[in-house]
Amino acid sequence: MPCLSEKIKLATAGGAVIIAVGGTGLAATTPAVVLGLLGSAMAGANFALTLNDLATCLESNGQPEMANKLREVAQTITDELDRLSRLAEEQGLVVGQ
């Protein structure tokens, strides 16, 4: 089956996003929420990278339409992470240094 390892990595990355977001929801203090959001952002970034890896594999296996859809989703995630980074900077948090 083409791209099996990429599909498995994507499932694992998706699970990490769910755990990170859930952990943020359970946070009881402001510092814990901030750490949870940063963890969610890292998990989201990994998910976007994994989507791009799968897109590259699918494209090389004759599925360019699906590859383009996955790249669009990855770009949407990246755009949202950029917005989160700007918000954190506006709030005085150091991000990405």
PDB file of N, CA and C in Angstrom:
ATOM      1  N   MET A   1       0.846  -1.176   0.000  1.00  0.00           N
ATOM      2  CA  MET A   1       0.000   0.000   0.000  1.00  0.00           C
ATOM      3  C   MET A   1       0.896   1.245   0.000  1.00  0.00           C
ATOM      4  N   PRO A   2       0.749   2.092  -1.019  1.00  0.00           N
ATOM      5  CA  PRO A   2       1.582   3.293  -1.081  1.00  0.00           C
ATOM      6  C   PRO A   2       1.297   4.233   0.090  1.00  0.00           C
ATOM      7  N   CYS A   3       2.350   4.840   0.605  1.00  0.00           N
ATOM      8  CA  CYS A   3       2.268   5.896   1.623  1.00  0.00           C
ATOM      9  C   CYS A   3       1.769   5.388   2.976  1.00  0.00           C
ATOM     10  N   LEU A   4       1.891   4.099   3.237  1.00  0.00           N
ATOM     11  CA  LEU A   4       1.389   3.556   4.502  1.00  0.00           C
ATOM     12  C   LEU A   4       2.087   4.196   5.697  1.00  0.00           C
ATOM     13  N   SER A   5       3.404   4.312   5.654  1.00  0.00           N
ATOM     14  CA  SER A   5       4.104   4.884   6.813  1.00  0.00           C
ATOM     15  C   SER A   5       3.704   6.343   7.031  1.00  0.00           C
ATOM     16  N   GLU A   6       3.486   7.094   5.948  1.00  0.00           N
ATOM     17  CA  GLU A   6       3.052   8.481   6.079  1.00  0.00           C
ATOM     18  C   GLU A   6       1.650   8.571   6.685  1.00  0.00           C
ATOM     19  N   LYS A   7       0.781   7.621   6.303  1.00  0.00           N
ATOM     20  CA  LYS A   7      -0.581   7.596   6.849  1.00  0.00           C
ATOM     21  C   LYS A   7      -0.561   7.259   8.336  1.00  0.00           C
ATOM     22  N   ILE A   8       0.302   6.338   8.732  1.00  0.00           N
ATOM     23  CA  ILE A   8       0.426   5.988  10.144  1.00  0.00           C
ATOM     24  C   ILE A   8       0.984   7.169  10.940  1.00  0.00           C
ATOM     25  N   LYS A   9       1.985   7.839  10.384  1.00  0.00           N
ATOM     26  CA  LYS A   9       2.540   9.020  11.058  1.00  0.00           C
ATOM     27  C   LYS A   9       1.481  10.106  11.209  1.00  0.00           C
ATOM     28  N   LEU A  10       0.636  10.264  10.210  1.00  0.00           N
ATOM     29  CA  LEU A  10      -0.426  11.265  10.277  1.00  0.00           C
ATOM     30  C   LEU A  10      -1.422  10.916  11.388  1.00  0.00           C
ATOM     31  N   ALA A  11      -1.773   9.657  11.509  1.00  0.00           N
ATOM     32  CA  ALA A  11      -2.691   9.236  12.572  1.00  0.00           C
ATOM     33  C   ALA A  11      -2.081   9.504  13.945  1.00  0.00           C
ATOM     34  N   THR A  12      -0.806   9.227  14.095  1.00  0.00           N
ATOM     35  CA  THR A  12      -0.116   9.473  15.360  1.00  0.00           C
ATOM     36  C   THR A  12      -0.053  10.966  15.659  1.00  0.00           C
ATOM     37  N   ALA A  13       0.249  11.768  14.653  1.00  0.00           N
ATOM     38  CA  ALA A  13       0.310  13.217  14.842  1.00  0.00           C
ATOM     39  C   ALA A  13      -1.067  13.762  15.197  1.00  0.00           C
ATOM     40  N   GLY A  14      -2.111  13.217  14.605  1.00  0.00           N
ATOM     41  CA  GLY A  14      -3.474  13.635  14.930  1.00  0.00           C
ATOM     42  C   GLY A  14      -3.829  13.325  16.369  1.00  0.00           C
ATOM     43  N   GLY A  15      -3.395  12.169  16.850  1.00  0.00           N
ATOM     44  CA  GLY A  15      -3.617  11.812  18.247  1.00  0.00           C
ATOM     45  C   GLY A  15      -2.914  12.775  19.190  1.00  0.00           C
ATOM     46  N   ALA A  16      -1.720  13.200  18.825  1.00  0.00           N
ATOM     47  CA  ALA A  16      -0.974  14.148  19.657  1.00  0.00           C
ATOM     48  C   ALA A  16      -1.690  15.488  19.732  1.00  0.00           C
ATOM     49  N   VAL A  17      -2.305  15.912  18.632  1.00  0.00           N
ATOM     50  CA  VAL A  17      -3.064  17.167  18.636  1.00  0.00           C
ATOM     51  C   VAL A  17      -4.239  17.059  19.591  1.00  0.00           C
ATOM     52  N   ILE A  18      -4.953  15.951  19.541  1.00  0.00           N
ATOM     53  CA  ILE A  18      -6.117  15.760  20.417  1.00  0.00           C
ATOM     54  C   ILE A  18      -5.693  15.788  21.885  1.00  0.00           C
ATOM     55  N   ILE A  19      -4.610  15.122  22.206  1.00  0.00           N
ATOM     56  CA  ILE A  19      -4.116  15.099  23.585  1.00  0.00           C
ATOM     57  C   ILE A  19      -3.679  16.490  24.023  1.00  0.00           C
ATOM     58  N   ALA A  20      -2.959  17.217  23.172  1.00  0.00           N
ATOM     59  CA  ALA A  20      -2.491  18.550  23.528  1.00  0.00           C
ATOM     60  C   ALA A  20      -3.652  19.507  23.754  1.00  0.00           C
ATOM     61  N   VAL A  21      -4.637  19.472  22.894  1.00  0.00           N
ATOM     62  CA  VAL A  21      -5.802  20.352  23.040  1.00  0.00           C
ATOM     63  C   VAL A  21      -6.590  19.976  24.287  1.00  0.00           C
ATOM     64  N   GLY A  22      -6.769  18.700  24.536  1.00  0.00           N
ATOM     65  CA  GLY A  22      -7.476  18.255  25.740  1.00  0.00           C
ATOM     66  C   GLY A  22      -6.762  18.660  27.003  1.00  0.00           C
ATOM     67  N   GLY A  23      -5.437  18.572  26.998  1.00  0.00           N
ATOM     68  CA  GLY A  23      -4.657  18.991  28.157  1.00  0.00           C
ATOM     69  C   GLY A  23      -4.803  20.480  28.431  1.00  0.00           C
ATOM     70  N   THR A  24      -4.891  21.268  27.389  1.00  0.00           N
ATOM     71  CA  THR A  24      -5.092  22.707  27.556  1.00  0.00           C
ATOM     72  C   THR A  24      -6.441  22.971  28.208  1.00  0.00           C
ATOM     73  N   GLY A  25      -7.450  22.223  27.819  1.00  0.00           N
ATOM     74  CA  GLY A  25      -8.780  22.403  28.395  1.00  0.00           C
ATOM     75  C   GLY A  25      -8.840  22.054  29.869  1.00  0.00           C
ATOM     76  N   LEU A  26      -7.961  21.176  30.330  1.00  0.00           N
ATOM     77  CA  LEU A  26      -7.952  20.773  31.731  1.00  0.00           C
ATOM     78  C   LEU A  26      -7.069  21.665  32.605  1.00  0.00           C
ATOM     79  N   ALA A  27      -6.332  22.567  31.996  1.00  0.00           N
ATOM     80  CA  ALA A  27      -5.407  23.415  32.744  1.00  0.00           C
ATOM     81  C   ALA A  27      -6.161  24.315  33.716  1.00  0.00           C
ATOM     82  N   ALA A  28      -5.590  24.471  34.914  1.00  0.00           N
ATOM     83  CA  ALA A  28      -6.276  25.230  35.958  1.00  0.00           C
ATOM     84  C   ALA A  28      -5.680  26.615  36.193  1.00  0.00           C
ATOM     85  N   THR A  29      -4.477  26.852  35.736  1.00  0.00           N
ATOM     86  CA  THR A  29      -3.836  28.152  35.965  1.00  0.00           C
ATOM     87  C   THR A  29      -3.440  28.774  34.645  1.00  0.00           C
ATOM     88  N   THR A  30      -3.248  30.089  34.660  1.00  0.00           N
ATOM     89  CA  THR A  30      -2.847  30.787  33.431  1.00  0.00           C
ATOM     90  C   THR A  30      -1.545  30.243  32.862  1.00  0.00           C
ATOM     91  N   PRO A  31      -0.481  30.047  33.681  1.00  0.00           N
ATOM     92  CA  PRO A  31       0.743  29.466  33.103  1.00  0.00           C
ATOM     93  C   PRO A  31       0.507  28.093  32.483  1.00  0.00           C
ATOM     94  N   ALA A  32      -0.359  27.295  33.104  1.00  0.00           N
ATOM     95  CA  ALA A  32      -0.647  25.969  32.549  1.00  0.00           C
ATOM     96  C   ALA A  32      -1.368  26.084  31.215  1.00  0.00           C
ATOM     97  N   VAL A  33      -2.270  27.057  31.107  1.00  0.00           N
ATOM     98  CA  VAL A  33      -2.982  27.270  29.840  1.00  0.00           C
ATOM     99  C   VAL A  33      -1.997  27.681  28.757  1.00  0.00           C
ATOM    100  N   VAL A  34      -1.078  28.592  29.102  1.00  0.00           N
ATOM    101  CA  VAL A  34      -0.079  29.042  28.125  1.00  0.00           C
ATOM    102  C   VAL A  34       0.779  27.867  27.667  1.00  0.00           C
ATOM    103  N   LEU A  35       1.228  27.055  28.619  1.00  0.00           N
ATOM    104  CA  LEU A  35       2.024  25.880  28.247  1.00  0.00           C
ATOM    105  C   LEU A  35       1.203  24.919  27.395  1.00  0.00           C
ATOM    106  N   GLY A  36      -0.066  24.765  27.731  1.00  0.00           N
ATOM    107  CA  GLY A  36      -0.939  23.904  26.935  1.00  0.00           C
ATOM    108  C   GLY A  36      -1.112  24.413  25.522  1.00  0.00           C
ATOM    109  N   LEU A  37      -1.264  25.733  25.386  1.00  0.00           N
ATOM    110  CA  LEU A  37      -1.394  26.314  24.045  1.00  0.00           C
ATOM    111  C   LEU A  37      -0.120  26.123  23.244  1.00  0.00           C
ATOM    112  N   LEU A  38       1.025  26.292  23.896  1.00  0.00           N
ATOM    113  CA  LEU A  38       2.293  26.072  23.189  1.00  0.00           C
ATOM    114  C   LEU A  38       2.433  24.608  22.778  1.00  0.00           C
ATOM    115  N   GLY A  39       2.015  23.693  23.655  1.00  0.00           N
ATOM    116  CA  GLY A  39       2.035  22.274  23.306  1.00  0.00           C
ATOM    117  C   GLY A  39       1.100  21.974  22.150  1.00  0.00           C
ATOM    118  N   SER A  40      -0.075  22.608  22.169  1.00  0.00           N
ATOM    119  CA  SER A  40      -1.026  22.432  21.065  1.00  0.00           C
ATOM    120  C   SER A  40      -0.440  22.960  19.761  1.00  0.00           C
ATOM    121  N   ALA A  41       0.240  24.095  19.847  1.00  0.00           N
ATOM    122  CA  ALA A  41       0.848  24.680  18.646  1.00  0.00           C
ATOM    123  C   ALA A  41       1.922  23.762  18.083  1.00  0.00           C
ATOM    124  N   MET A  42       2.748  23.199  18.964  1.00  0.00           N
ATOM    125  CA  MET A  42       3.795  22.284  18.483  1.00  0.00           C
ATOM    126  C   MET A  42       3.179  21.040  17.851  1.00  0.00           C
ATOM    127  N   ALA A  43       2.129  20.522  18.481  1.00  0.00           N
ATOM    128  CA  ALA A  43       1.455  19.346  17.919  1.00  0.00           C
ATOM    129  C   ALA A  43       0.827  19.700  16.572  1.00  0.00           C
ATOM    130  N   GLY A  44       0.249  20.896  16.475  1.00  0.00           N
ATOM    131  CA  GLY A  44      -0.344  21.340  15.215  1.00  0.00           C
ATOM    132  C   GLY A  44       0.691  21.504  14.119  1.00  0.00           C
ATOM    133  N   ALA A  45       1.852  22.040  14.488  1.00  0.00           N
ATOM    134  CA  ALA A  45       2.926  22.202  13.504  1.00  0.00           C
ATOM    135  C   ALA A  45       3.393  20.842  13.001  1.00  0.00           C
ATOM    136  N   ASN A  46       3.535  19.877  13.912  1.00  0.00           N
ATOM    137  CA  ASN A  46       3.933  18.529  13.513  1.00  0.00           C
ATOM    138  C   ASN A  46       2.882  17.906  12.601  1.00  0.00           C
ATOM    139  N   PHE A  47       1.606  18.148  12.905  1.00  0.00           N
ATOM    140  CA  PHE A  47       0.521  17.617  12.078  1.00  0.00           C
ATOM    141  C   PHE A  47       0.597  18.197  10.667  1.00  0.00           C
ATOM    142  N   ALA A  48       0.841  19.518  10.568  1.00  0.00           N
ATOM    143  CA  ALA A  48       0.946  20.160   9.246  1.00  0.00           C
ATOM    144  C   ALA A  48       2.130  19.597   8.458  1.00  0.00           C
ATOM    145  N   LEU A  49       3.264  19.393   9.127  1.00  0.00           N
ATOM    146  CA  LEU A  49       4.429  18.815   8.447  1.00  0.00           C
ATOM    147  C   LEU A  49       4.137  17.396   7.963  1.00  0.00           C
ATOM    148  N   THR A  50       3.431  16.640   8.789  1.00  0.00           N
ATOM    149  CA  THR A  50       3.088  15.267   8.414  1.00  0.00           C
ATOM    150  C   THR A  50       2.116  15.244   7.238  1.00  0.00           C
ATOM    151  N   LEU A  51       1.173  16.197   7.225  1.00  0.00           N
ATOM    152  CA  LEU A  51       0.271  16.316   6.069  1.00  0.00           C
ATOM    153  C   LEU A  51       1.059  16.584   4.792  1.00  0.00           C
ATOM    154  N   ASN A  52       2.043  17.458   4.877  1.00  0.00           N
ATOM    155  CA  ASN A  52       2.867  17.759   3.699  1.00  0.00           C
ATOM    156  C   ASN A  52       3.656  16.536   3.242  1.00  0.00           C
ATOM    157  N   ASP A  53       4.170  15.762   4.206  1.00  0.00           N
ATOM    158  CA  ASP A  53       4.892  14.532   3.838  1.00  0.00           C
ATOM    159  C   ASP A  53       3.979  13.558   3.100  1.00  0.00           C
ATOM    160  N   LEU A  54       2.766  13.397   3.618  1.00  0.00           N
ATOM    161  CA  LEU A  54       1.815  12.502   2.958  1.00  0.00           C
ATOM    162  C   LEU A  54       1.444  13.049   1.576  1.00  0.00           C
ATOM    163  N   ALA A  55       1.278  14.358   1.474  1.00  0.00           N
ATOM    164  CA  ALA A  55       0.951  14.965   0.182  1.00  0.00           C
ATOM    165  C   ALA A  55       2.043  14.682  -0.846  1.00  0.00           C
ATOM    166  N   THR A  56       3.294  14.794  -0.435  1.00  0.00           N
ATOM    167  CA  THR A  56       4.412  14.519  -1.341  1.00  0.00           C
ATOM    168  C   THR A  56       4.380  13.072  -1.804  1.00  0.00           C
ATOM    169  N   CYS A  57       4.120  12.163  -0.883  1.00  0.00           N
ATOM    170  CA  CYS A  57       4.047  10.743  -1.238  1.00  0.00           C
ATOM    171  C   CYS A  57       2.888  10.478  -2.192  1.00  0.00           C
ATOM    172  N   LEU A  58       1.716  11.032  -1.875  1.00  0.00           N
ATOM    173  CA  LEU A  58       0.554  10.811  -2.741  1.00  0.00           C
ATOM    174  C   LEU A  58       0.790  11.362  -4.141  1.00  0.00           C
ATOM    175  N   GLU A  59       1.407  12.531  -4.202  1.00  0.00           N
ATOM    176  CA  GLU A  59       1.676  13.130  -5.515  1.00  0.00           C
ATOM    177  C   GLU A  59       2.605  12.239  -6.332  1.00  0.00           C
ATOM    178  N   SER A  60       3.615  11.694  -5.666  1.00  0.00           N
ATOM    179  CA  SER A  60       4.551  10.832  -6.399  1.00  0.00           C
ATOM    180  C   SER A  60       3.939   9.474  -6.735  1.00  0.00           C
ATOM    181  N   ASN A  61       2.771   9.177  -6.167  1.00  0.00           N
ATOM    182  CA  ASN A  61       2.068   7.927  -6.466  1.00  0.00           C
ATOM    183  C   ASN A  61       0.798   8.173  -7.263  1.00  0.00           C
ATOM    184  N   GLY A  62       0.766   9.269  -8.014  1.00  0.00           N
ATOM    185  CA  GLY A  62      -0.315   9.505  -8.964  1.00  0.00           C
ATOM    186  C   GLY A  62      -1.610  10.040  -8.387  1.00  0.00           C
ATOM    187  N   GLN A  63      -1.549  10.729  -7.246  1.00  0.00           N
ATOM    188  CA  GLN A  63      -2.758  11.286  -6.654  1.00  0.00           C
ATOM    189  C   GLN A  63      -2.580  12.798  -6.389  1.00  0.00           C
ATOM    190  N   PRO A  64      -2.372  13.571  -7.444  1.00  0.00           N
ATOM    191  CA  PRO A  64      -2.095  15.001  -7.252  1.00  0.00           C
ATOM    192  C   PRO A  64      -3.261  15.788  -6.662  1.00  0.00           C
ATOM    193  N   GLU A  65      -4.497  15.375  -6.949  1.00  0.00           N
ATOM    194  CA  GLU A  65      -5.649  16.115  -6.419  1.00  0.00           C
ATOM    195  C   GLU A  65      -5.694  16.014  -4.895  1.00  0.00           C
ATOM    196  N   MET A  66      -5.522  14.809  -4.374  1.00  0.00           N
ATOM    197  CA  MET A  66      -5.527  14.613  -2.922  1.00  0.00           C
ATOM    198  C   MET A  66      -4.329  15.319  -2.296  1.00  0.00           C
ATOM    199  N   ALA A  67      -3.194  15.270  -2.977  1.00  0.00           N
ATOM    200  CA  ALA A  67      -2.002  15.953  -2.468  1.00  0.00           C
ATOM    201  C   ALA A  67      -2.269  17.451  -2.328  1.00  0.00           C
ATOM    202  N   ASN A  68      -2.919  18.040  -3.311  1.00  0.00           N
ATOM    203  CA  ASN A  68      -3.233  19.476  -3.239  1.00  0.00           C
ATOM    204  C   ASN A  68      -4.178  19.785  -2.092  1.00  0.00           C
ATOM    205  N   LYS A  69      -5.172  18.932  -1.876  1.00  0.00           N
ATOM    206  CA  LYS A  69      -6.112  19.141  -0.764  1.00  0.00           C
ATOM    207  C   LYS A  69      -5.383  19.091   0.574  1.00  0.00           C
ATOM    208  N   LEU A  70      -4.485  18.117   0.733  1.00  0.00           N
ATOM    209  CA  LEU A  70      -3.734  18.007   1.977  1.00  0.00           C
ATOM    210  C   LEU A  70      -2.828  19.215   2.186  1.00  0.00           C
ATOM    211  N   ARG A  71      -2.225  19.695   1.110  1.00  0.00           N
ATOM    212  CA  ARG A  71      -1.373  20.889   1.234  1.00  0.00           C
ATOM    213  C   ARG A  71      -2.192  22.120   1.631  1.00  0.00           C
ATOM    214  N   GLU A  72      -3.411  22.213   1.117  1.00  0.00           N
ATOM    215  CA  GLU A  72      -4.285  23.328   1.500  1.00  0.00           C
ATOM    216  C   GLU A  72      -4.622  23.272   2.987  1.00  0.00           C
ATOM    217  N   VAL A  73      -4.910  22.076   3.490  1.00  0.00           N
ATOM    218  CA  VAL A  73      -5.206  21.920   4.916  1.00  0.00           C
ATOM    219  C   VAL A  73      -3.971  22.266   5.749  1.00  0.00           C
ATOM    220  N   ALA A  74      -2.813  21.775   5.317  1.00  0.00           N
ATOM    221  CA  ALA A  74      -1.569  22.086   6.036  1.00  0.00           C
ATOM    222  C   ALA A  74      -1.315  23.587   6.059  1.00  0.00           C
ATOM    223  N   GLN A  75      -1.596  24.279   4.969  1.00  0.00           N
ATOM    224  CA  GLN A  75      -1.397  25.723   4.923  1.00  0.00           C
ATOM    225  C   GLN A  75      -2.370  26.436   5.862  1.00  0.00           C
ATOM    226  N   THR A  76      -3.596  25.960   5.937  1.00  0.00           N
ATOM    227  CA  THR A  76      -4.577  26.543   6.859  1.00  0.00           C
ATOM    228  C   THR A  76      -4.104  26.398   8.300  1.00  0.00           C
ATOM    229  N   ILE A  77      -3.587  25.228   8.646  1.00  0.00           N
ATOM    230  CA  ILE A  77      -3.055  25.012   9.995  1.00  0.00           C
ATOM    231  C   ILE A  77      -1.888  25.952  10.257  1.00  0.00           C
ATOM    232  N   THR A  78      -0.990  26.068   9.305  1.00  0.00           N
ATOM    233  CA  THR A  78       0.167  26.943   9.456  1.00  0.00           C
ATOM    234  C   THR A  78      -0.271  28.396   9.633  1.00  0.00           C
ATOM    235  N   ASP A  79      -1.264  28.827   8.873  1.00  0.00           N
ATOM    236  CA  ASP A  79      -1.777  30.192   9.008  1.00  0.00           C
ATOM    237  C   ASP A  79      -2.337  30.433  10.406  1.00  0.00           C
ATOM    238  N   GLU A  80      -3.071  29.460  10.935  1.00  0.00           N
ATOM    239  CA  GLU A  80      -3.637  29.591  12.290  1.00  0.00           C
ATOM    240  C   GLU A  80      -2.529  29.620  13.338  1.00  0.00           C
ATOM    241  N   LEU A  81      -1.485  28.821  13.143  1.00  0.00           N
ATOM    242  CA  LEU A  81      -0.362  28.841  14.074  1.00  0.00           C
ATOM    243  C   LEU A  81       0.354  30.185  14.044  1.00  0.00           C
ATOM    244  N   ASP A  82       0.442  30.791  12.866  1.00  0.00           N
ATOM    245  CA  ASP A  82       1.031  32.128  12.756  1.00  0.00           C
ATOM    246  C   ASP A  82       0.195  33.150  13.521  1.00  0.00           C
ATOM    247  N   ARG A  83      -1.126  33.032  13.421  1.00  0.00           N
ATOM    248  CA  ARG A  83      -2.011  33.932  14.164  1.00  0.00           C
ATOM    249  C   ARG A  83      -1.828  33.751  15.664  1.00  0.00           C
ATOM    250  N   LEU A  84      -1.715  32.509  16.120  1.00  0.00           N
ATOM    251  CA  LEU A  84      -1.496  32.230  17.529  1.00  0.00           C
ATOM    252  C   LEU A  84      -0.164  32.812  17.993  1.00  0.00           C
ATOM    253  N   SER A  85       0.846  32.686  17.172  1.00  0.00           N
ATOM    254  CA  SER A  85       2.155  33.238  17.502  1.00  0.00           C
ATOM    255  C   SER A  85       2.096  34.754  17.648  1.00  0.00           C
ATOM    256  N   ARG A  86       1.397  35.423  16.727  1.00  0.00           N
ATOM    257  CA  ARG A  86       1.260  36.882  16.814  1.00  0.00           C
ATOM    258  C   ARG A  86       0.490  37.283  18.067  1.00  0.00           C
ATOM    259  N   LEU A  87      -0.561  36.530  18.395  1.00  0.00           N
ATOM    260  CA  LEU A  87      -1.336  36.811  19.599  1.00  0.00           C
ATOM    261  C   LEU A  87      -0.464  36.663  20.845  1.00  0.00           C
ATOM    262  N   ALA A  88       0.345  35.599  20.889  1.00  0.00           N
ATOM    263  CA  ALA A  88       1.223  35.392  22.035  1.00  0.00           C
ATOM    264  C   ALA A  88       2.226  36.534  22.154  1.00  0.00           C
ATOM    265  N   GLU A  89       2.766  36.974  21.042  1.00  0.00           N
ATOM    266  CA  GLU A  89       3.706  38.096  21.062  1.00  0.00           C
ATOM    267  C   GLU A  89       3.029  39.365  21.552  1.00  0.00           C
ATOM    268  N   GLU A  90       1.783  39.597  21.127  1.00  0.00           N
ATOM    269  CA  GLU A  90       1.034  40.773  21.581  1.00  0.00           C
ATOM    270  C   GLU A  90       0.789  40.718  23.086  1.00  0.00           C
ATOM    271  N   GLN A  91       0.680  39.521  23.634  1.00  0.00           N
ATOM    272  CA  GLN A  91       0.448  39.350  25.065  1.00  0.00           C
ATOM    273  C   GLN A  91       1.755  39.341  25.864  1.00  0.00           C
ATOM    274  N   GLY A  92       2.869  39.547  25.168  1.00  0.00           N
ATOM    275  CA  GLY A  92       4.161  39.608  25.854  1.00  0.00           C
ATOM    276  C   GLY A  92       4.849  38.282  26.053  1.00  0.00           C
ATOM    277  N   LEU A  93       4.374  37.248  25.392  1.00  0.00           N
ATOM    278  CA  LEU A  93       5.016  35.943  25.485  1.00  0.00           C
ATOM    279  C   LEU A  93       6.060  35.819  24.393  1.00  0.00           C
ATOM    280  N   VAL A  94       7.178  35.204  24.720  1.00  0.00           N
ATOM    281  CA  VAL A  94       8.228  34.990  23.728  1.00  0.00           C
ATOM    282  C   VAL A  94       7.907  33.725  22.967  1.00  0.00           C
ATOM    283  N   VAL A  95       7.838  33.835  21.643  1.00  0.00           N
ATOM    284  CA  VAL A  95       7.492  32.685  20.806  1.00  0.00           C
ATOM    285  C   VAL A  95       8.514  32.547  19.702  1.00  0.00           C
ATOM    286  N   GLY A  96       8.957  31.303  19.480  1.00  0.00           N
ATOM    287  CA  GLY A  96       9.789  30.981  18.315  1.00  0.00           C
ATOM    288  C   GLY A  96      11.179  31.577  18.316  1.00  0.00           C
ATOM    289  N   GLN A  97      11.792  31.704  19.487  1.00  0.00           N
ATOM    290  CA  GLN A  97      13.144  32.243  19.481  1.00  0.00           C
ATOM    291  C   GLN A  97      14.136  31.227  19.888  1.00  0.00           C
TER     292      GLN A  97
END
